[in-house]
């Protein structure tokens, strides 16, 4: 007769901790990739400055396209 060695059960918390760590790593890599792609895109639109002239009672908005 052969004796079976009883298997030691793993804690379910360890498995879930590894899964959570893996998901956090994937999330961090995704955010870093998105930031890198966004930083490499050219600026678009215009540059708007709002200044109030003194003693004028109105606000003047000047919009200049960026080169």
C-alpha atoms as a PDB file:
ATOM      1  CA  UNK A   1       0.000   0.000   0.000  1.00  0.00           C
ATOM      2  CA  UNK A   2       1.219   3.501  -0.853  1.00  0.00           C
ATOM      3  CA  UNK A   3       0.760   6.358   1.511  1.00  0.00           C
ATOM      4  CA  UNK A   4      -0.492   9.625   0.222  1.00  0.00           C
ATOM      5  CA  UNK A   5       1.001  12.730   1.612  1.00  0.00           C
ATOM      6  CA  UNK A   6      -1.778  15.163   2.441  1.00  0.00           C
ATOM      7  CA  UNK A   7      -1.648  18.308   0.344  1.00  0.00           C
ATOM      8  CA  UNK A   8      -1.189  21.552   2.126  1.00  0.00           C
ATOM      9  CA  UNK A   9      -3.889  23.996   1.082  1.00  0.00           C
ATOM     10  CA  UNK A  10      -2.834  27.467   0.092  1.00  0.00           C
ATOM     11  CA  UNK A  11      -4.423  30.424   1.760  1.00  0.00           C
ATOM     12  CA  UNK A  12      -6.961  32.101  -0.529  1.00  0.00           C
ATOM     13  CA  UNK A  13      -5.675  35.468   0.708  1.00  0.00           C
ATOM     14  CA  UNK A  14      -2.275  34.883  -0.865  1.00  0.00           C
ATOM     15  CA  UNK A  15      -3.789  34.110  -4.255  1.00  0.00           C
ATOM     16  CA  UNK A  16      -6.002  37.202  -4.119  1.00  0.00           C
ATOM     17  CA  UNK A  17      -3.071  39.359  -3.011  1.00  0.00           C
ATOM     18  CA  UNK A  18      -1.049  38.214  -6.040  1.00  0.00           C
ATOM     19  CA  UNK A  19      -3.968  38.903  -8.359  1.00  0.00           C
ATOM     20  CA  UNK A  20      -4.495  42.375  -6.884  1.00  0.00           C
ATOM     21  CA  UNK A  21      -0.765  43.160  -7.204  1.00  0.00           C
ATOM     22  CA  UNK A  22      -0.835  42.039 -10.837  1.00  0.00           C
ATOM     23  CA  UNK A  23      -3.834  44.233 -11.590  1.00  0.00           C
ATOM     24  CA  UNK A  24      -2.149  47.225  -9.957  1.00  0.00           C
ATOM     25  CA  UNK A  25       0.960  46.684 -12.072  1.00  0.00           C
ATOM     26  CA  UNK A  26      -1.119  46.468 -15.262  1.00  0.00           C
ATOM     27  CA  UNK A  27      -2.993  49.639 -14.261  1.00  0.00           C
ATOM     28  CA  UNK A  28       0.259  51.525 -13.567  1.00  0.00           C
ATOM     29  CA  UNK A  29       1.751  50.469 -16.911  1.00  0.00           C
ATOM     30  CA  UNK A  30      -1.433  51.547 -18.712  1.00  0.00           C
ATOM     31  CA  UNK A  31      -1.430  54.964 -17.055  1.00  0.00           C
ATOM     32  CA  UNK A  32       2.272  55.450 -17.835  1.00  0.00           C
ATOM     33  CA  UNK A  33       1.723  54.495 -21.476  1.00  0.00           C
ATOM     34  CA  UNK A  34      -1.228  56.870 -21.773  1.00  0.00           C
ATOM     35  CA  UNK A  35       0.789  59.735 -20.279  1.00  0.00           C
ATOM     36  CA  UNK A  36       3.706  59.031 -22.613  1.00  0.00           C
ATOM     37  CA  UNK A  37       1.453  59.048 -25.662  1.00  0.00           C
ATOM     38  CA  UNK A  38      -0.291  62.223 -24.528  1.00  0.00           C
ATOM     39  CA  UNK A  39       3.004  64.045 -23.891  1.00  0.00           C
ATOM     40  CA  UNK A  40       4.252  63.303 -27.394  1.00  0.00           C
ATOM     41  CA  UNK A  41       1.214  64.805 -29.117  1.00  0.00           C
ATOM     42  CA  UNK A  42       1.561  68.347 -30.459  1.00  0.00           C
ATOM     43  CA  UNK A  43      -0.216  71.198 -28.729  1.00  0.00           C
ATOM     44  CA  UNK A  44      -3.420  72.251 -30.382  1.00  0.00           C
ATOM     45  CA  UNK A  45      -5.747  75.191 -30.204  1.00  0.00           C
ATOM     46  CA  UNK A  46      -5.077  78.712 -29.120  1.00  0.00           C
ATOM     47  CA  UNK A  47      -3.564  80.458 -26.132  1.00  0.00           C
ATOM     48  CA  UNK A  48      -6.102  82.681 -24.359  1.00  0.00           C
ATOM     49  CA  UNK A  49      -5.153  85.437 -21.899  1.00  0.00           C
ATOM     50  CA  UNK A  50      -7.726  87.372 -19.885  1.00  0.00           C
ATOM     51  CA  UNK A  51      -6.653  90.674 -18.336  1.00  0.00           C
ATOM     52  CA  UNK A  52      -8.573  93.509 -16.799  1.00  0.00           C
ATOM     53  CA  UNK A  53      -7.396  96.956 -17.805  1.00  0.00           C
ATOM     54  CA  UNK A  54      -7.391  99.545 -15.071  1.00  0.00           C
ATOM     55  CA  UNK A  55      -9.352 101.918 -14.827  1.00  0.00           C
ATOM     56  CA  UNK A  56     -11.591 100.290 -17.452  1.00  0.00           C
ATOM     57  CA  UNK A  57     -14.782  98.629 -16.254  1.00  0.00           C
ATOM     58  CA  UNK A  58     -14.713  95.891 -18.832  1.00  0.00           C
ATOM     59  CA  UNK A  59     -12.636  92.716 -19.181  1.00  0.00           C
ATOM     60  CA  UNK A  60     -10.790  92.306 -22.464  1.00  0.00           C
ATOM     61  CA  UNK A  61     -10.046  88.811 -23.767  1.00  0.00           C
ATOM     62  CA  UNK A  62      -7.236  88.411 -26.303  1.00  0.00           C
ATOM     63  CA  UNK A  63      -6.883  85.107 -28.145  1.00  0.00           C
ATOM     64  CA  UNK A  64      -3.675  84.440 -30.083  1.00  0.00           C
ATOM     65  CA  UNK A  65      -3.090  81.259 -32.102  1.00  0.00           C
ATOM     66  CA  UNK A  66      -0.017  79.309 -30.998  1.00  0.00           C
ATOM     67  CA  UNK A  67       2.603  78.724 -33.668  1.00  0.00           C
END
